[in-house]
Amino acid sequence: MTIKYFQDTDTLHIEFRVAAVAETRDLDENTQLDFDKEGNICAMTIEHAWDRADIPHFSFEQIAA
């Protein structure tokens, strides 16, 4: 998984896995989901991310199975 924040455009891009994007769907006017040819989600883009995704308080935690 790759997470990138583009400060100049206030855009957050989360790539869940590397795959060719076959379709992009709008979740709302500021959120897009990318799907591969099998219909699996492979990425999400969030515009106006600073306020919508609470960028300053990001954390990641991996829980053991």
PDB file of N, CA and C in Angstrom:
ATOM      1  N   MET A   1       0.853  -1.160   0.000  1.00  0.00           N
ATOM      2  CA  MET A   1       0.000   0.000   0.000  1.00  0.00           C
ATOM      3  C   MET A   1       0.905   1.231   0.000  1.00  0.00           C
ATOM      4  N   THR A   2       0.501   2.224  -0.781  1.00  0.00           N
ATOM      5  CA  THR A   2       1.228   3.482  -0.846  1.00  0.00           C
ATOM      6  C   THR A   2       0.257   4.623  -0.576  1.00  0.00           C
ATOM      7  N   ILE A   3       0.651   5.536   0.305  1.00  0.00           N
ATOM      8  CA  ILE A   3      -0.172   6.701   0.613  1.00  0.00           C
ATOM      9  C   ILE A   3       0.645   7.939   0.299  1.00  0.00           C
ATOM     10  N   LYS A   4       0.082   8.813  -0.540  1.00  0.00           N
ATOM     11  CA  LYS A   4       0.762  10.049  -0.923  1.00  0.00           C
ATOM     12  C   LYS A   4      -0.164  11.229  -0.675  1.00  0.00           C
ATOM     13  N   TYR A   5       0.394  12.288  -0.069  1.00  0.00           N
ATOM     14  CA  TYR A   5      -0.350  13.526   0.119  1.00  0.00           C
ATOM     15  C   TYR A   5       0.339  14.600  -0.707  1.00  0.00           C
ATOM     16  N   PHE A   6      -0.410  15.219  -1.611  1.00  0.00           N
ATOM     17  CA  PHE A   6       0.102  16.283  -2.467  1.00  0.00           C
ATOM     18  C   PHE A   6      -0.356  17.620  -1.883  1.00  0.00           C
ATOM     19  N   GLN A   7       0.552  18.268  -1.169  1.00  0.00           N
ATOM     20  CA  GLN A   7       0.203  19.487  -0.456  1.00  0.00           C
ATOM     21  C   GLN A   7      -0.228  20.605  -1.401  1.00  0.00           C
ATOM     22  N   ASP A   8       0.388  20.706  -2.583  1.00  0.00           N
ATOM     23  CA  ASP A   8       0.059  21.797  -3.500  1.00  0.00           C
ATOM     24  C   ASP A   8      -1.382  21.735  -4.013  1.00  0.00           C
ATOM     25  N   THR A   9      -1.981  20.539  -4.072  1.00  0.00           N
ATOM     26  CA  THR A   9      -3.366  20.402  -4.519  1.00  0.00           C
ATOM     27  C   THR A   9      -4.295  19.907  -3.414  1.00  0.00           C
ATOM     28  N   ASP A  10      -3.745  19.660  -2.220  1.00  0.00           N
ATOM     29  CA  ASP A  10      -4.491  19.139  -1.074  1.00  0.00           C
ATOM     30  C   ASP A  10      -5.225  17.851  -1.451  1.00  0.00           C
ATOM     31  N   THR A  11      -4.467  16.945  -2.069  1.00  0.00           N
ATOM     32  CA  THR A  11      -5.017  15.684  -2.558  1.00  0.00           C
ATOM     33  C   THR A  11      -4.319  14.512  -1.873  1.00  0.00           C
ATOM     34  N   LEU A  12      -5.114  13.561  -1.404  1.00  0.00           N
ATOM     35  CA  LEU A  12      -4.597  12.341  -0.803  1.00  0.00           C
ATOM     36  C   LEU A  12      -4.870  11.186  -1.765  1.00  0.00           C
ATOM     37  N   HIS A  13      -3.830  10.428  -2.082  1.00  0.00           N
ATOM     38  CA  HIS A  13      -3.989   9.272  -2.973  1.00  0.00           C
ATOM     39  C   HIS A  13      -3.525   8.036  -2.224  1.00  0.00           C
ATOM     40  N   ILE A  14      -4.417   7.075  -2.095  1.00  0.00           N
ATOM     41  CA  ILE A  14      -4.125   5.818  -1.411  1.00  0.00           C
ATOM     42  C   ILE A  14      -4.174   4.705  -2.448  1.00  0.00           C
ATOM     43  N   GLU A  15      -3.031   4.087  -2.687  1.00  0.00           N
ATOM     44  CA  GLU A  15      -2.968   2.967  -3.616  1.00  0.00           C
ATOM     45  C   GLU A  15      -2.920   1.691  -2.793  1.00  0.00           C
ATOM     46  N   PHE A  16      -3.974   0.900  -2.862  1.00  0.00           N
ATOM     47  CA  PHE A  16      -4.067  -0.321  -2.075  1.00  0.00           C
ATOM     48  C   PHE A  16      -3.196  -1.428  -2.643  1.00  0.00           C
ATOM     49  N   ARG A  17      -3.095  -1.451  -3.963  1.00  0.00           N
ATOM     50  CA  ARG A  17      -2.218  -2.411  -4.630  1.00  0.00           C
ATOM     51  C   ARG A  17      -1.948  -1.912  -6.034  1.00  0.00           C
ATOM     52  N   VAL A  18      -0.818  -2.312  -6.586  1.00  0.00           N
ATOM     53  CA  VAL A  18      -0.441  -1.892  -7.931  1.00  0.00           C
ATOM     54  C   VAL A  18      -1.261  -2.703  -8.936  1.00  0.00           C
ATOM     55  N   ALA A  19      -2.028  -1.994  -9.766  1.00  0.00           N
ATOM     56  CA  ALA A  19      -2.850  -2.643 -10.789  1.00  0.00           C
ATOM     57  C   ALA A  19      -3.218  -1.602 -11.838  1.00  0.00           C
ATOM     58  N   ALA A  20      -3.435  -2.057 -13.042  1.00  0.00           N
ATOM     59  CA  ALA A  20      -3.897  -1.154 -14.097  1.00  0.00           C
ATOM     60  C   ALA A  20      -5.334  -0.746 -13.781  1.00  0.00           C
ATOM     61  N   VAL A  21      -5.600   0.546 -13.846  1.00  0.00           N
ATOM     62  CA  VAL A  21      -6.937   1.054 -13.561  1.00  0.00           C
ATOM     63  C   VAL A  21      -7.803   0.891 -14.802  1.00  0.00           C
ATOM     64  N   ALA A  22      -8.908   0.173 -14.650  1.00  0.00           N
ATOM     65  CA  ALA A  22      -9.840  -0.047 -15.756  1.00  0.00           C
ATOM     66  C   ALA A  22     -11.022   0.921 -15.686  1.00  0.00           C
ATOM     67  N   GLU A  23     -11.345   1.380 -14.468  1.00  0.00           N
ATOM     68  CA  GLU A  23     -12.493   2.267 -14.296  1.00  0.00           C
ATOM     69  C   GLU A  23     -12.296   3.119 -13.053  1.00  0.00           C
ATOM     70  N   THR A  24     -12.725   4.374 -13.137  1.00  0.00           N
ATOM     71  CA  THR A  24     -12.736   5.273 -11.987  1.00  0.00           C
ATOM     72  C   THR A  24     -14.182   5.697 -11.753  1.00  0.00           C
ATOM     73  N   ARG A  25     -14.621   5.569 -10.513  1.00  0.00           N
ATOM     74  CA  ARG A  25     -15.993   5.950 -10.150  1.00  0.00           C
ATOM     75  C   ARG A  25     -15.943   7.055  -9.101  1.00  0.00           C
ATOM     76  N   ASP A  26     -16.878   7.993  -9.199  1.00  0.00           N
ATOM     77  CA  ASP A  26     -17.004   9.045  -8.205  1.00  0.00           C
ATOM     78  C   ASP A  26     -17.830   8.533  -7.038  1.00  0.00           C
ATOM     79  N   LEU A  27     -17.247   8.574  -5.847  1.00  0.00           N
ATOM     80  CA  LEU A  27     -17.984   8.232  -4.645  1.00  0.00           C
ATOM     81  C   LEU A  27     -18.835   9.439  -4.226  1.00  0.00           C
ATOM     82  N   ASP A  28     -18.226  10.609  -4.328  1.00  0.00           N
ATOM     83  CA  ASP A  28     -18.911  11.893  -4.182  1.00  0.00           C
ATOM     84  C   ASP A  28     -18.115  12.885  -5.016  1.00  0.00           C
ATOM     85  N   GLU A  29     -18.411  14.168  -4.922  1.00  0.00           N
ATOM     86  CA  GLU A  29     -17.750  15.128  -5.809  1.00  0.00           C
ATOM     87  C   GLU A  29     -16.261  15.305  -5.524  1.00  0.00           C
ATOM     88  N   ASN A  30     -15.776  14.823  -4.391  1.00  0.00           N
ATOM     89  CA  ASN A  30     -14.367  14.978  -4.025  1.00  0.00           C
ATOM     90  C   ASN A  30     -13.651  13.666  -3.730  1.00  0.00           C
ATOM     91  N   THR A  31     -14.267  12.536  -4.049  1.00  0.00           N
ATOM     92  CA  THR A  31     -13.668  11.243  -3.773  1.00  0.00           C
ATOM     93  C   THR A  31     -13.867  10.318  -4.971  1.00  0.00           C
ATOM     94  N   GLN A  32     -12.761   9.750  -5.454  1.00  0.00           N
ATOM     95  CA  GLN A  32     -12.819   8.826  -6.573  1.00  0.00           C
ATOM     96  C   GLN A  32     -12.229   7.478  -6.160  1.00  0.00           C
ATOM     97  N   LEU A  33     -12.829   6.407  -6.687  1.00  0.00           N
ATOM     98  CA  LEU A  33     -12.334   5.062  -6.450  1.00  0.00           C
ATOM     99  C   LEU A  33     -11.878   4.480  -7.787  1.00  0.00           C
ATOM    100  N   ASP A  34     -10.710   3.860  -7.803  1.00  0.00           N
ATOM    101  CA  ASP A  34     -10.179   3.212  -8.997  1.00  0.00           C
ATOM    102  C   ASP A  34     -10.335   1.709  -8.867  1.00  0.00           C
ATOM    103  N   PHE A  35     -10.771   1.068  -9.960  1.00  0.00           N
ATOM    104  CA  PHE A  35     -10.991  -0.370  -9.992  1.00  0.00           C
ATOM    105  C   PHE A  35     -10.175  -1.005 -11.110  1.00  0.00           C
ATOM    106  N   ASP A  36      -9.734  -2.240 -10.901  1.00  0.00           N
ATOM    107  CA  ASP A  36      -9.039  -2.976 -11.952  1.00  0.00           C
ATOM    108  C   ASP A  36     -10.073  -3.660 -12.854  1.00  0.00           C
ATOM    109  N   LYS A  37      -9.617  -4.422 -13.834  1.00  0.00           N
ATOM    110  CA  LYS A  37     -10.534  -5.029 -14.804  1.00  0.00           C
ATOM    111  C   LYS A  37     -11.432  -6.101 -14.191  1.00  0.00           C
ATOM    112  N   GLU A  38     -11.061  -6.633 -13.030  1.00  0.00           N
ATOM    113  CA  GLU A  38     -11.903  -7.614 -12.339  1.00  0.00           C
ATOM    114  C   GLU A  38     -12.907  -6.963 -11.393  1.00  0.00           C
ATOM    115  N   GLY A  39     -12.846  -5.633 -11.268  1.00  0.00           N
ATOM    116  CA  GLY A  39     -13.762  -4.921 -10.390  1.00  0.00           C
ATOM    117  C   GLY A  39     -13.277  -4.752  -8.977  1.00  0.00           C
ATOM    118  N   ASN A  40     -12.006  -5.083  -8.717  1.00  0.00           N
ATOM    119  CA  ASN A  40     -11.424  -4.916  -7.383  1.00  0.00           C
ATOM    120  C   ASN A  40     -10.930  -3.487  -7.213  1.00  0.00           C
ATOM    121  N   ILE A  41     -11.155  -2.913  -6.044  1.00  0.00           N
ATOM    122  CA  ILE A  41     -10.668  -1.560  -5.786  1.00  0.00           C
ATOM    123  C   ILE A  41      -9.149  -1.593  -5.660  1.00  0.00           C
ATOM    124  N   CYS A  42      -8.486  -0.660  -6.331  1.00  0.00           N
ATOM    125  CA  CYS A  42      -7.029  -0.622  -6.242  1.00  0.00           C
ATOM    126  C   CYS A  42      -6.515   0.719  -5.721  1.00  0.00           C
ATOM    127  N   ALA A  43      -7.361   1.773  -5.735  1.00  0.00           N
ATOM    128  CA  ALA A  43      -6.900   3.064  -5.229  1.00  0.00           C
ATOM    129  C   ALA A  43      -8.082   3.965  -4.899  1.00  0.00           C
ATOM    130  N   MET A  44      -7.782   4.990  -4.085  1.00  0.00           N
ATOM    131  CA  MET A  44      -8.769   5.999  -3.723  1.00  0.00           C
ATOM    132  C   MET A  44      -8.087   7.363  -3.759  1.00  0.00           C
ATOM    133  N   THR A  45      -8.778   8.357  -4.282  1.00  0.00           N
ATOM    134  CA  THR A  45      -8.273   9.726  -4.302  1.00  0.00           C
ATOM    135  C   THR A  45      -9.259  10.617  -3.564  1.00  0.00           C
ATOM    136  N   ILE A  46      -8.731  11.430  -2.636  1.00  0.00           N
ATOM    137  CA  ILE A  46      -9.563  12.324  -1.837  1.00  0.00           C
ATOM    138  C   ILE A  46      -9.078  13.750  -2.036  1.00  0.00           C
ATOM    139  N   GLU A  47      -9.955  14.593  -2.583  1.00  0.00           N
ATOM    140  CA  GLU A  47      -9.662  16.019  -2.745  1.00  0.00           C
ATOM    141  C   GLU A  47     -10.036  16.744  -1.456  1.00  0.00           C
ATOM    142  N   HIS A  48      -9.419  17.906  -1.222  1.00  0.00           N
ATOM    143  CA  HIS A  48      -9.634  18.693   0.009  1.00  0.00           C
ATOM    144  C   HIS A  48      -9.339  17.822   1.232  1.00  0.00           C
ATOM    145  N   ALA A  49      -8.272  17.076   1.137  1.00  0.00           N
ATOM    146  CA  ALA A  49      -7.952  16.039   2.112  1.00  0.00           C
ATOM    147  C   ALA A  49      -7.588  16.568   3.498  1.00  0.00           C
ATOM    148  N   TRP A  50      -7.016  17.739   3.569  1.00  0.00           N
ATOM    149  CA  TRP A  50      -6.563  18.261   4.871  1.00  0.00           C
ATOM    150  C   TRP A  50      -7.696  18.240   5.883  1.00  0.00           C
ATOM    151  N   ASP A  51      -8.869  18.730   5.496  1.00  0.00           N
ATOM    152  CA  ASP A  51     -10.014  18.758   6.404  1.00  0.00           C
ATOM    153  C   ASP A  51     -10.808  17.456   6.393  1.00  0.00           C
ATOM    154  N   ARG A  52     -10.958  16.854   5.234  1.00  0.00           N
ATOM    155  CA  ARG A  52     -11.819  15.684   5.100  1.00  0.00           C
ATOM    156  C   ARG A  52     -11.197  14.419   5.677  1.00  0.00           C
ATOM    157  N   ALA A  53      -9.873  14.306   5.642  1.00  0.00           N
ATOM    158  CA  ALA A  53      -9.214  13.084   6.103  1.00  0.00           C
ATOM    159  C   ALA A  53      -8.366  13.308   7.355  1.00  0.00           C
ATOM    160  N   ASP A  54      -8.408  14.499   7.912  1.00  0.00           N
ATOM    161  CA  ASP A  54      -7.666  14.818   9.141  1.00  0.00           C
ATOM    162  C   ASP A  54      -6.184  14.460   8.993  1.00  0.00           C
ATOM    163  N   ILE A  55      -5.577  14.960   7.928  1.00  0.00           N
ATOM    164  CA  ILE A  55      -4.195  14.656   7.565  1.00  0.00           C
ATOM    165  C   ILE A  55      -3.193  14.817   8.721  1.00  0.00           C
ATOM    166  N   PRO A  56      -3.283  15.853   9.547  1.00  0.00           N
ATOM    167  CA  PRO A  56      -2.263  15.987  10.605  1.00  0.00           C
ATOM    168  C   PRO A  56      -2.252  14.857  11.622  1.00  0.00           C
ATOM    169  N   HIS A  57      -3.324  14.073  11.692  1.00  0.00           N
ATOM    170  CA  HIS A  57      -3.419  13.025  12.705  1.00  0.00           C
ATOM    171  C   HIS A  57      -3.433  11.626  12.102  1.00  0.00           C
ATOM    172  N   PHE A  58      -2.678  11.423  11.055  1.00  0.00           N
ATOM    173  CA  PHE A  58      -2.612  10.126  10.395  1.00  0.00           C
ATOM    174  C   PHE A  58      -1.762   9.152  11.211  1.00  0.00           C
ATOM    175  N   SER A  59      -2.230   7.914  11.306  1.00  0.00           N
ATOM    176  CA  SER A  59      -1.429   6.862  11.924  1.00  0.00           C
ATOM    177  C   SER A  59      -1.712   5.543  11.210  1.00  0.00           C
ATOM    178  N   PHE A  60      -0.788   4.629  11.321  1.00  0.00           N
ATOM    179  CA  PHE A  60      -0.925   3.312  10.701  1.00  0.00           C
ATOM    180  C   PHE A  60      -0.545   2.272  11.730  1.00  0.00           C
ATOM    181  N   GLU A  61      -1.347   1.234  11.835  1.00  0.00           N
ATOM    182  CA  GLU A  61      -1.065   0.173  12.778  1.00  0.00           C
ATOM    183  C   GLU A  61      -1.356  -1.172  12.126  1.00  0.00           C
ATOM    184  N   GLN A  62      -0.439  -2.084  12.195  1.00  0.00           N
ATOM    185  CA  GLN A  62      -0.638  -3.420  11.664  1.00  0.00           C
ATOM    186  C   GLN A  62      -0.875  -4.364  12.837  1.00  0.00           C
ATOM    187  N   ILE A  63      -1.996  -5.076  12.776  1.00  0.00           N
ATOM    188  CA  ILE A  63      -2.372  -5.975  13.851  1.00  0.00           C
ATOM    189  C   ILE A  63      -2.021  -7.406  13.450  1.00  0.00           C
ATOM    190  N   ALA A  64      -1.300  -8.111  14.303  1.00  0.00           N
ATOM    191  CA  ALA A  64      -0.927  -9.499  14.020  1.00  0.00           C
ATOM    192  C   ALA A  64      -2.168 -10.381  14.004  1.00  0.00           C
ATOM    193  N   ALA A  65      -2.163 -11.362  13.131  1.00  0.00           N
ATOM    194  CA  ALA A  65      -3.308 -12.275  13.014  1.00  0.00           C
ATOM    195  C   ALA A  65      -3.327 -13.273  14.138  1.00  0.00           C
TER     196      ALA A  65
END
